[in-house]
Amino acid sequence: MSSRSSLVPAVGVAAFLALLTGVGSYLASGRLLVGLIGLVGALVASAAVLMLLPDESRPAEAPAGDQDRSNLVQTCIYVRDRVTSTALANRLDQALTEVGVRTVEPTGERFDPGHHEAGGALPTTDETLVGTIAAVEAPGYADHGVLLRPPVVTVYQRRQA
């Protein structure tokens, strides 16, 4: 049973009690304005009480599973960057790929400061290479297309004469 359907009886009872308050105020005073003020006051008080009730249908924060997954992915990336064993590195890459995290290694692509972090420059005389990525110093990571960390790259730069 959702909390929305469990609030329906409470709202009905609150409206009924507000109506009784308004009618009672009118009958006691004999003045319509006093009855309307009693009705409106009771409705406002009921609304305030109903807003204070907890809403179980809305989680207070992100589901724990999502946060746990995010922490685990970040930890795997941290360990992957520091591991010296090729076998362990390959296993971590495989595990990350299985959950939708892919490495970003843009060698040969045009450098884009919005998606890449420049870590160094490599001089070249070939004008067609200027501004392209020569090597990846540290791979980046994307989780289902969302960039978690940009790759650190070396970019070809025009050789100074």
N, C-alpha and C. Protein backbone atom coordinates (compact mmCIF):
# COMPACT_ATOMS: atom_id res chain seq x y z
N MET A 1 0.85 -1.18 0.00
CA MET A 1 0.00 0.00 0.00
C MET A 1 0.89 1.24 0.00
N SER A 2 0.65 2.14 -0.97
CA SER A 2 1.49 3.33 -1.04
C SER A 2 1.03 4.36 -0.01
N SER A 3 1.91 5.30 0.28
CA SER A 3 1.57 6.31 1.27
C SER A 3 0.50 7.26 0.74
N ARG A 4 0.43 7.41 -0.60
CA ARG A 4 -0.60 8.26 -1.18
C ARG A 4 -1.98 7.70 -0.88
N SER A 5 -2.17 6.40 -1.07
CA SER A 5 -3.48 5.81 -0.80
C SER A 5 -3.77 5.76 0.70
N SER A 6 -2.75 5.72 1.55
CA SER A 6 -2.99 5.71 2.99
C SER A 6 -3.33 7.11 3.51
N LEU A 7 -3.02 8.16 2.74
CA LEU A 7 -3.36 9.52 3.15
C LEU A 7 -4.80 9.89 2.81
N VAL A 8 -5.42 9.16 1.88
CA VAL A 8 -6.79 9.48 1.45
C VAL A 8 -7.76 9.49 2.64
N PRO A 9 -7.78 8.46 3.48
CA PRO A 9 -8.69 8.52 4.63
C PRO A 9 -8.37 9.67 5.58
N ALA A 10 -7.10 9.96 5.79
CA ALA A 10 -6.71 11.05 6.68
C ALA A 10 -7.18 12.39 6.14
N VAL A 11 -7.08 12.59 4.84
CA VAL A 11 -7.55 13.84 4.23
C VAL A 11 -9.06 13.94 4.36
N GLY A 12 -9.76 12.82 4.14
CA GLY A 12 -11.22 12.81 4.28
C GLY A 12 -11.66 13.16 5.69
N VAL A 13 -11.00 12.56 6.67
CA VAL A 13 -11.33 12.84 8.08
C VAL A 13 -11.04 14.30 8.40
N ALA A 14 -9.91 14.82 7.93
CA ALA A 14 -9.55 16.21 8.19
C ALA A 14 -10.57 17.16 7.57
N ALA A 15 -11.00 16.88 6.34
CA ALA A 15 -12.01 17.73 5.70
C ALA A 15 -13.34 17.67 6.44
N PHE A 16 -13.73 16.48 6.88
CA PHE A 16 -14.99 16.32 7.62
C PHE A 16 -14.95 17.10 8.94
N LEU A 17 -13.82 16.99 9.66
CA LEU A 17 -13.69 17.71 10.93
C LEU A 17 -13.67 19.23 10.70
N ALA A 18 -13.05 19.68 9.62
CA ALA A 18 -13.04 21.11 9.31
C ALA A 18 -14.45 21.59 9.02
N LEU A 19 -15.21 20.77 8.29
CA LEU A 19 -16.60 21.13 7.99
C LEU A 19 -17.43 21.22 9.27
N LEU A 20 -17.24 20.26 10.17
CA LEU A 20 -17.95 20.29 11.45
C LEU A 20 -17.57 21.53 12.26
N THR A 21 -16.28 21.88 12.22
CA THR A 21 -15.82 23.07 12.95
C THR A 21 -16.48 24.32 12.38
N GLY A 22 -16.54 24.42 11.06
CA GLY A 22 -17.16 25.58 10.43
C GLY A 22 -18.65 25.67 10.73
N VAL A 23 -19.34 24.53 10.64
CA VAL A 23 -20.78 24.51 10.93
C VAL A 23 -21.03 24.82 12.40
N GLY A 24 -20.22 24.24 13.27
CA GLY A 24 -20.37 24.49 14.71
C GLY A 24 -20.14 25.94 15.05
N SER A 25 -19.12 26.56 14.42
CA SER A 25 -18.85 27.98 14.66
C SER A 25 -20.01 28.84 14.20
N TYR A 26 -20.58 28.50 13.05
CA TYR A 26 -21.72 29.25 12.52
C TYR A 26 -22.94 29.13 13.44
N LEU A 27 -23.22 27.89 13.87
CA LEU A 27 -24.38 27.68 14.72
C LEU A 27 -24.21 28.35 16.09
N ALA A 28 -23.00 28.33 16.61
CA ALA A 28 -22.76 28.92 17.93
C ALA A 28 -22.85 30.44 17.89
N SER A 29 -22.39 31.03 16.78
CA SER A 29 -22.36 32.48 16.73
C SER A 29 -23.55 33.07 15.98
N GLY A 30 -24.11 32.29 15.09
CA GLY A 30 -25.20 32.79 14.27
C GLY A 30 -24.71 33.71 13.16
N ARG A 31 -23.41 33.75 12.94
CA ARG A 31 -22.86 34.62 11.90
C ARG A 31 -22.10 33.78 10.89
N LEU A 32 -22.40 33.98 9.60
CA LEU A 32 -21.80 33.21 8.52
C LEU A 32 -20.29 33.43 8.44
N LEU A 33 -19.85 34.67 8.62
CA LEU A 33 -18.41 34.98 8.53
C LEU A 33 -17.61 34.21 9.58
N VAL A 34 -18.12 34.10 10.79
CA VAL A 34 -17.44 33.36 11.85
C VAL A 34 -17.37 31.88 11.48
N GLY A 35 -18.43 31.35 10.89
CA GLY A 35 -18.44 29.95 10.44
C GLY A 35 -17.40 29.71 9.36
N LEU A 36 -17.29 30.64 8.38
CA LEU A 36 -16.29 30.50 7.31
C LEU A 36 -14.87 30.59 7.86
N ILE A 37 -14.67 31.51 8.81
CA ILE A 37 -13.34 31.62 9.43
C ILE A 37 -13.00 30.33 10.17
N GLY A 38 -13.95 29.75 10.87
CA GLY A 38 -13.71 28.48 11.55
C GLY A 38 -13.39 27.36 10.58
N LEU A 39 -14.12 27.31 9.44
CA LEU A 39 -13.88 26.29 8.41
C LEU A 39 -12.48 26.44 7.82
N VAL A 40 -12.11 27.66 7.41
CA VAL A 40 -10.80 27.90 6.80
C VAL A 40 -9.68 27.63 7.81
N GLY A 41 -9.86 28.05 9.03
CA GLY A 41 -8.85 27.80 10.06
C GLY A 41 -8.64 26.31 10.29
N ALA A 42 -9.73 25.56 10.33
CA ALA A 42 -9.62 24.11 10.53
C ALA A 42 -8.96 23.44 9.32
N LEU A 43 -9.26 23.91 8.12
CA LEU A 43 -8.62 23.35 6.91
C LEU A 43 -7.12 23.62 6.90
N VAL A 44 -6.73 24.82 7.26
CA VAL A 44 -5.31 25.18 7.30
C VAL A 44 -4.58 24.34 8.35
N ALA A 45 -5.18 24.19 9.52
CA ALA A 45 -4.56 23.39 10.58
C ALA A 45 -4.43 21.94 10.14
N SER A 46 -5.46 21.41 9.48
CA SER A 46 -5.42 20.02 9.00
C SER A 46 -4.33 19.84 7.95
N ALA A 47 -4.23 20.79 7.04
CA ALA A 47 -3.19 20.71 6.00
C ALA A 47 -1.81 20.73 6.62
N ALA A 48 -1.62 21.57 7.62
CA ALA A 48 -0.30 21.63 8.29
C ALA A 48 0.03 20.31 8.96
N VAL A 49 -0.94 19.70 9.62
CA VAL A 49 -0.70 18.41 10.27
C VAL A 49 -0.40 17.33 9.23
N LEU A 50 -1.14 17.32 8.12
CA LEU A 50 -0.92 16.30 7.08
C LEU A 50 0.44 16.47 6.42
N MET A 51 0.92 17.70 6.31
CA MET A 51 2.24 17.90 5.71
C MET A 51 3.36 17.42 6.63
N LEU A 52 3.09 17.36 7.91
CA LEU A 52 4.09 16.88 8.86
C LEU A 52 4.19 15.36 8.87
N LEU A 53 3.19 14.68 8.32
CA LEU A 53 3.24 13.22 8.28
C LEU A 53 4.34 12.78 7.33
N PRO A 54 5.08 11.70 7.64
CA PRO A 54 6.15 11.24 6.76
C PRO A 54 5.58 10.66 5.47
N ASP A 55 6.33 10.86 4.39
CA ASP A 55 5.94 10.32 3.08
C ASP A 55 6.88 9.17 2.75
N GLU A 56 6.41 7.94 2.96
CA GLU A 56 7.27 6.77 2.74
C GLU A 56 7.55 6.52 1.26
N SER A 57 6.74 7.09 0.38
CA SER A 57 6.95 6.83 -1.04
C SER A 57 8.16 7.58 -1.59
N ARG A 58 8.67 8.57 -0.87
CA ARG A 58 9.79 9.36 -1.33
C ARG A 58 11.00 9.08 -0.47
N PRO A 59 12.06 8.47 -1.06
CA PRO A 59 13.25 8.20 -0.25
C PRO A 59 13.94 9.50 0.17
N ALA A 60 14.51 9.49 1.35
CA ALA A 60 15.17 10.68 1.87
C ALA A 60 16.44 11.00 1.09
N GLU A 61 17.08 9.99 0.53
CA GLU A 61 18.30 10.19 -0.22
C GLU A 61 18.36 9.16 -1.33
N ALA A 62 19.41 9.19 -2.14
CA ALA A 62 19.56 8.24 -3.23
C ALA A 62 19.60 6.82 -2.66
N PRO A 63 19.05 5.86 -3.42
CA PRO A 63 19.08 4.48 -2.93
C PRO A 63 20.50 4.05 -2.58
N ALA A 64 20.61 3.29 -1.52
CA ALA A 64 21.94 2.88 -1.03
C ALA A 64 22.70 2.10 -2.09
N GLY A 65 22.00 1.32 -2.90
CA GLY A 65 22.65 0.52 -3.94
C GLY A 65 23.38 1.39 -4.95
N ASP A 66 22.80 2.53 -5.34
CA ASP A 66 23.45 3.42 -6.29
C ASP A 66 24.71 4.02 -5.69
N GLN A 67 24.65 4.45 -4.44
CA GLN A 67 25.81 5.04 -3.80
C GLN A 67 26.89 3.98 -3.58
N ASP A 68 26.47 2.77 -3.20
CA ASP A 68 27.44 1.68 -3.02
C ASP A 68 28.13 1.36 -4.34
N ARG A 69 27.38 1.32 -5.44
CA ARG A 69 27.96 1.03 -6.74
C ARG A 69 28.95 2.11 -7.13
N SER A 70 28.57 3.36 -6.92
CA SER A 70 29.46 4.48 -7.26
C SER A 70 30.76 4.41 -6.46
N ASN A 71 30.65 4.12 -5.17
CA ASN A 71 31.86 3.99 -4.33
C ASN A 71 32.73 2.84 -4.80
N LEU A 72 32.11 1.72 -5.15
CA LEU A 72 32.87 0.56 -5.60
C LEU A 72 33.57 0.84 -6.93
N VAL A 73 32.89 1.50 -7.86
CA VAL A 73 33.50 1.86 -9.15
C VAL A 73 34.69 2.78 -8.92
N GLN A 74 34.53 3.81 -8.09
CA GLN A 74 35.62 4.73 -7.82
C GLN A 74 36.81 4.02 -7.18
N THR A 75 36.53 3.08 -6.29
CA THR A 75 37.61 2.33 -5.64
C THR A 75 38.33 1.45 -6.65
N CYS A 76 37.59 0.80 -7.54
CA CYS A 76 38.22 -0.04 -8.57
C CYS A 76 39.11 0.80 -9.48
N ILE A 77 38.66 1.99 -9.85
CA ILE A 77 39.47 2.87 -10.69
C ILE A 77 40.74 3.29 -9.95
N TYR A 78 40.60 3.61 -8.68
CA TYR A 78 41.74 4.00 -7.86
C TYR A 78 42.78 2.87 -7.81
N VAL A 79 42.31 1.67 -7.54
CA VAL A 79 43.22 0.52 -7.47
C VAL A 79 43.81 0.22 -8.84
N ARG A 80 43.00 0.32 -9.89
CA ARG A 80 43.47 0.04 -11.26
C ARG A 80 44.62 0.97 -11.63
N ASP A 81 44.54 2.23 -11.20
CA ASP A 81 45.60 3.18 -11.51
C ASP A 81 46.91 2.85 -10.82
N ARG A 82 46.85 2.14 -9.71
CA ARG A 82 48.04 1.92 -8.90
C ARG A 82 48.60 0.51 -8.95
N VAL A 83 47.83 -0.41 -9.50
CA VAL A 83 48.26 -1.81 -9.52
C VAL A 83 49.42 -1.99 -10.51
N THR A 84 50.40 -2.82 -10.13
CA THR A 84 51.55 -3.07 -11.00
C THR A 84 51.45 -4.40 -11.73
N SER A 85 50.56 -5.26 -11.29
CA SER A 85 50.38 -6.56 -11.91
C SER A 85 49.48 -6.43 -13.14
N THR A 86 49.98 -6.90 -14.30
CA THR A 86 49.19 -6.86 -15.53
C THR A 86 47.94 -7.72 -15.40
N ALA A 87 48.05 -8.87 -14.75
CA ALA A 87 46.90 -9.75 -14.58
C ALA A 87 45.80 -9.08 -13.75
N LEU A 88 46.19 -8.43 -12.66
CA LEU A 88 45.21 -7.73 -11.83
C LEU A 88 44.60 -6.55 -12.58
N ALA A 89 45.42 -5.82 -13.31
CA ALA A 89 44.92 -4.68 -14.08
C ALA A 89 43.89 -5.15 -15.11
N ASN A 90 44.20 -6.25 -15.79
CA ASN A 90 43.26 -6.80 -16.79
C ASN A 90 41.96 -7.25 -16.13
N ARG A 91 42.06 -7.87 -14.96
CA ARG A 91 40.86 -8.34 -14.26
C ARG A 91 39.99 -7.16 -13.81
N LEU A 92 40.62 -6.10 -13.32
CA LEU A 92 39.87 -4.91 -12.93
C LEU A 92 39.21 -4.27 -14.15
N ASP A 93 39.93 -4.21 -15.28
CA ASP A 93 39.35 -3.67 -16.51
C ASP A 93 38.12 -4.48 -16.93
N GLN A 94 38.25 -5.81 -16.83
CA GLN A 94 37.15 -6.69 -17.20
C GLN A 94 35.94 -6.48 -16.28
N ALA A 95 36.18 -6.38 -14.99
CA ALA A 95 35.09 -6.18 -14.02
C ALA A 95 34.40 -4.83 -14.25
N LEU A 96 35.18 -3.79 -14.49
CA LEU A 96 34.59 -2.47 -14.76
C LEU A 96 33.76 -2.50 -16.05
N THR A 97 34.27 -3.16 -17.08
CA THR A 97 33.53 -3.27 -18.34
C THR A 97 32.21 -4.00 -18.15
N GLU A 98 32.21 -5.03 -17.32
CA GLU A 98 30.99 -5.82 -17.08
C GLU A 98 29.88 -4.99 -16.45
N VAL A 99 30.23 -3.95 -15.70
CA VAL A 99 29.20 -3.12 -15.07
C VAL A 99 28.95 -1.81 -15.83
N GLY A 100 29.51 -1.70 -17.04
CA GLY A 100 29.22 -0.54 -17.88
C GLY A 100 30.23 0.58 -17.82
N VAL A 101 31.37 0.37 -17.17
CA VAL A 101 32.41 1.40 -17.11
C VAL A 101 33.47 1.05 -18.15
N ARG A 102 33.75 1.99 -19.03
CA ARG A 102 34.75 1.73 -20.07
C ARG A 102 35.91 2.71 -19.92
N THR A 103 37.07 2.27 -20.38
CA THR A 103 38.23 3.16 -20.35
C THR A 103 38.16 4.08 -21.56
N VAL A 104 38.67 5.28 -21.39
CA VAL A 104 38.70 6.26 -22.46
C VAL A 104 40.16 6.50 -22.80
N GLU A 105 40.58 6.03 -23.99
CA GLU A 105 41.96 6.18 -24.45
C GLU A 105 41.92 6.75 -25.86
N PRO A 106 41.92 8.08 -25.98
CA PRO A 106 41.68 8.74 -27.27
C PRO A 106 42.91 9.03 -28.13
N THR A 107 43.86 8.12 -28.17
CA THR A 107 45.06 8.34 -28.98
C THR A 107 44.66 8.57 -30.44
N GLY A 108 45.22 9.64 -31.03
CA GLY A 108 44.94 9.95 -32.43
C GLY A 108 43.77 10.91 -32.63
N GLU A 109 42.99 11.15 -31.60
CA GLU A 109 41.86 12.07 -31.71
C GLU A 109 42.34 13.51 -31.50
N ARG A 110 41.49 14.46 -31.89
CA ARG A 110 41.78 15.87 -31.64
C ARG A 110 41.65 16.13 -30.14
N PHE A 111 42.54 16.93 -29.60
CA PHE A 111 42.49 17.28 -28.19
C PHE A 111 41.30 18.18 -27.93
N ASP A 112 40.52 17.85 -26.91
CA ASP A 112 39.36 18.64 -26.50
C ASP A 112 39.48 18.87 -25.00
N PRO A 113 39.74 20.11 -24.57
CA PRO A 113 39.93 20.36 -23.13
C PRO A 113 38.68 20.06 -22.30
N GLY A 114 37.53 19.95 -22.93
CA GLY A 114 36.32 19.59 -22.21
C GLY A 114 36.24 18.10 -21.90
N HIS A 115 37.02 17.29 -22.62
CA HIS A 115 36.98 15.84 -22.43
C HIS A 115 38.33 15.23 -22.11
N HIS A 116 39.40 16.00 -22.25
CA HIS A 116 40.75 15.49 -22.02
C HIS A 116 41.52 16.44 -21.11
N GLU A 117 42.48 15.89 -20.40
CA GLU A 117 43.37 16.70 -19.56
C GLU A 117 44.76 16.61 -20.14
N ALA A 118 45.34 17.76 -20.48
CA ALA A 118 46.68 17.77 -21.06
C ALA A 118 47.71 17.52 -19.97
N GLY A 119 48.53 16.51 -20.19
CA GLY A 119 49.57 16.18 -19.23
C GLY A 119 50.95 16.50 -19.75
N GLY A 120 51.04 16.71 -21.04
CA GLY A 120 52.34 17.00 -21.64
C GLY A 120 52.18 17.35 -23.10
N ALA A 121 53.30 17.76 -23.71
CA ALA A 121 53.30 18.12 -25.12
C ALA A 121 54.47 17.43 -25.81
N LEU A 122 54.26 17.09 -27.06
CA LEU A 122 55.29 16.45 -27.86
C LEU A 122 55.49 17.29 -29.11
N PRO A 123 56.70 17.87 -29.30
CA PRO A 123 56.91 18.73 -30.47
C PRO A 123 56.88 17.93 -31.77
N THR A 124 56.32 18.55 -32.81
CA THR A 124 56.28 17.92 -34.13
C THR A 124 56.40 18.99 -35.21
N THR A 125 56.92 18.59 -36.36
CA THR A 125 56.98 19.47 -37.52
C THR A 125 55.84 19.18 -38.48
N ASP A 126 55.13 18.08 -38.27
CA ASP A 126 54.00 17.69 -39.12
C ASP A 126 52.76 18.49 -38.71
N GLU A 127 52.36 19.42 -39.58
CA GLU A 127 51.22 20.30 -39.27
C GLU A 127 49.91 19.53 -39.10
N THR A 128 49.79 18.36 -39.72
CA THR A 128 48.53 17.60 -39.61
C THR A 128 48.38 16.97 -38.22
N LEU A 129 49.49 16.81 -37.50
CA LEU A 129 49.43 16.21 -36.17
C LEU A 129 49.22 17.22 -35.05
N VAL A 130 49.47 18.50 -35.32
CA VAL A 130 49.36 19.53 -34.29
C VAL A 130 47.93 19.54 -33.73
N GLY A 131 47.83 19.42 -32.38
CA GLY A 131 46.52 19.43 -31.71
C GLY A 131 45.88 18.07 -31.56
N THR A 132 46.57 17.02 -32.04
CA THR A 132 46.03 15.67 -31.84
C THR A 132 46.74 15.01 -30.66
N ILE A 133 46.12 13.97 -30.16
CA ILE A 133 46.66 13.28 -28.98
C ILE A 133 47.70 12.27 -29.42
N ALA A 134 48.91 12.43 -28.89
CA ALA A 134 50.02 11.55 -29.24
C ALA A 134 50.00 10.28 -28.39
N ALA A 135 49.67 10.40 -27.12
CA ALA A 135 49.67 9.25 -26.21
C ALA A 135 48.76 9.52 -25.03
N VAL A 136 48.34 8.44 -24.39
CA VAL A 136 47.51 8.53 -23.19
C VAL A 136 48.40 8.19 -22.00
N GLU A 137 48.58 9.14 -21.10
CA GLU A 137 49.39 8.91 -19.91
C GLU A 137 48.61 8.16 -18.84
N ALA A 138 47.35 8.50 -18.68
CA ALA A 138 46.46 7.80 -17.74
C ALA A 138 45.08 7.74 -18.38
N PRO A 139 44.51 6.55 -18.50
CA PRO A 139 43.21 6.46 -19.17
C PRO A 139 42.11 7.17 -18.37
N GLY A 140 41.11 7.62 -19.09
CA GLY A 140 39.93 8.17 -18.44
C GLY A 140 38.90 7.06 -18.29
N TYR A 141 37.82 7.35 -17.61
CA TYR A 141 36.77 6.35 -17.40
C TYR A 141 35.41 7.00 -17.61
N ALA A 142 34.53 6.26 -18.28
CA ALA A 142 33.15 6.70 -18.51
C ALA A 142 32.21 5.60 -18.04
N ASP A 143 31.20 5.99 -17.30
CA ASP A 143 30.19 5.05 -16.78
C ASP A 143 28.90 5.25 -17.56
N HIS A 144 28.59 4.30 -18.43
CA HIS A 144 27.42 4.39 -19.30
C HIS A 144 27.37 5.74 -20.02
N GLY A 145 28.51 6.16 -20.55
CA GLY A 145 28.58 7.40 -21.32
C GLY A 145 28.85 8.65 -20.51
N VAL A 146 28.79 8.58 -19.19
CA VAL A 146 29.05 9.74 -18.34
C VAL A 146 30.52 9.71 -17.93
N LEU A 147 31.25 10.77 -18.28
CA LEU A 147 32.68 10.82 -17.99
C LEU A 147 32.92 10.94 -16.50
N LEU A 148 33.56 9.91 -15.93
CA LEU A 148 33.90 9.94 -14.50
C LEU A 148 35.22 10.67 -14.27
N ARG A 149 36.16 10.42 -15.17
CA ARG A 149 37.47 11.05 -15.07
C ARG A 149 38.04 11.21 -16.47
N PRO A 150 38.50 12.40 -16.83
CA PRO A 150 39.05 12.58 -18.18
C PRO A 150 40.43 11.91 -18.29
N PRO A 151 40.78 11.44 -19.49
CA PRO A 151 42.11 10.87 -19.66
C PRO A 151 43.17 11.97 -19.64
N VAL A 152 44.33 11.63 -19.10
CA VAL A 152 45.47 12.54 -19.11
C VAL A 152 46.29 12.18 -20.35
N VAL A 153 46.49 13.17 -21.22
CA VAL A 153 47.08 12.88 -22.53
C VAL A 153 48.28 13.77 -22.85
N THR A 154 49.08 13.30 -23.80
CA THR A 154 50.17 14.08 -24.36
C THR A 154 49.70 14.53 -25.73
N VAL A 155 49.86 15.82 -26.00
CA VAL A 155 49.34 16.40 -27.24
C VAL A 155 50.50 16.85 -28.13
N TYR A 156 50.33 16.58 -29.44
CA TYR A 156 51.33 17.08 -30.39
C TYR A 156 51.26 18.61 -30.43
N GLN A 157 52.44 19.23 -30.42
CA GLN A 157 52.55 20.69 -30.42
C GLN A 157 53.51 21.10 -31.51
N ARG A 158 53.25 22.25 -32.15
CA ARG A 158 54.12 22.75 -33.20
C ARG A 158 55.53 23.00 -32.65
N ARG A 159 56.52 22.43 -33.36
CA ARG A 159 57.93 22.61 -32.92
C ARG A 159 58.35 24.06 -33.17
N GLN A 160 58.96 24.65 -32.14
CA GLN A 160 59.44 26.03 -32.25
C GLN A 160 60.76 26.03 -32.98
N ALA A 161 60.96 27.01 -33.89
CA ALA A 161 62.19 27.07 -34.69
C ALA A 161 63.36 27.57 -33.91
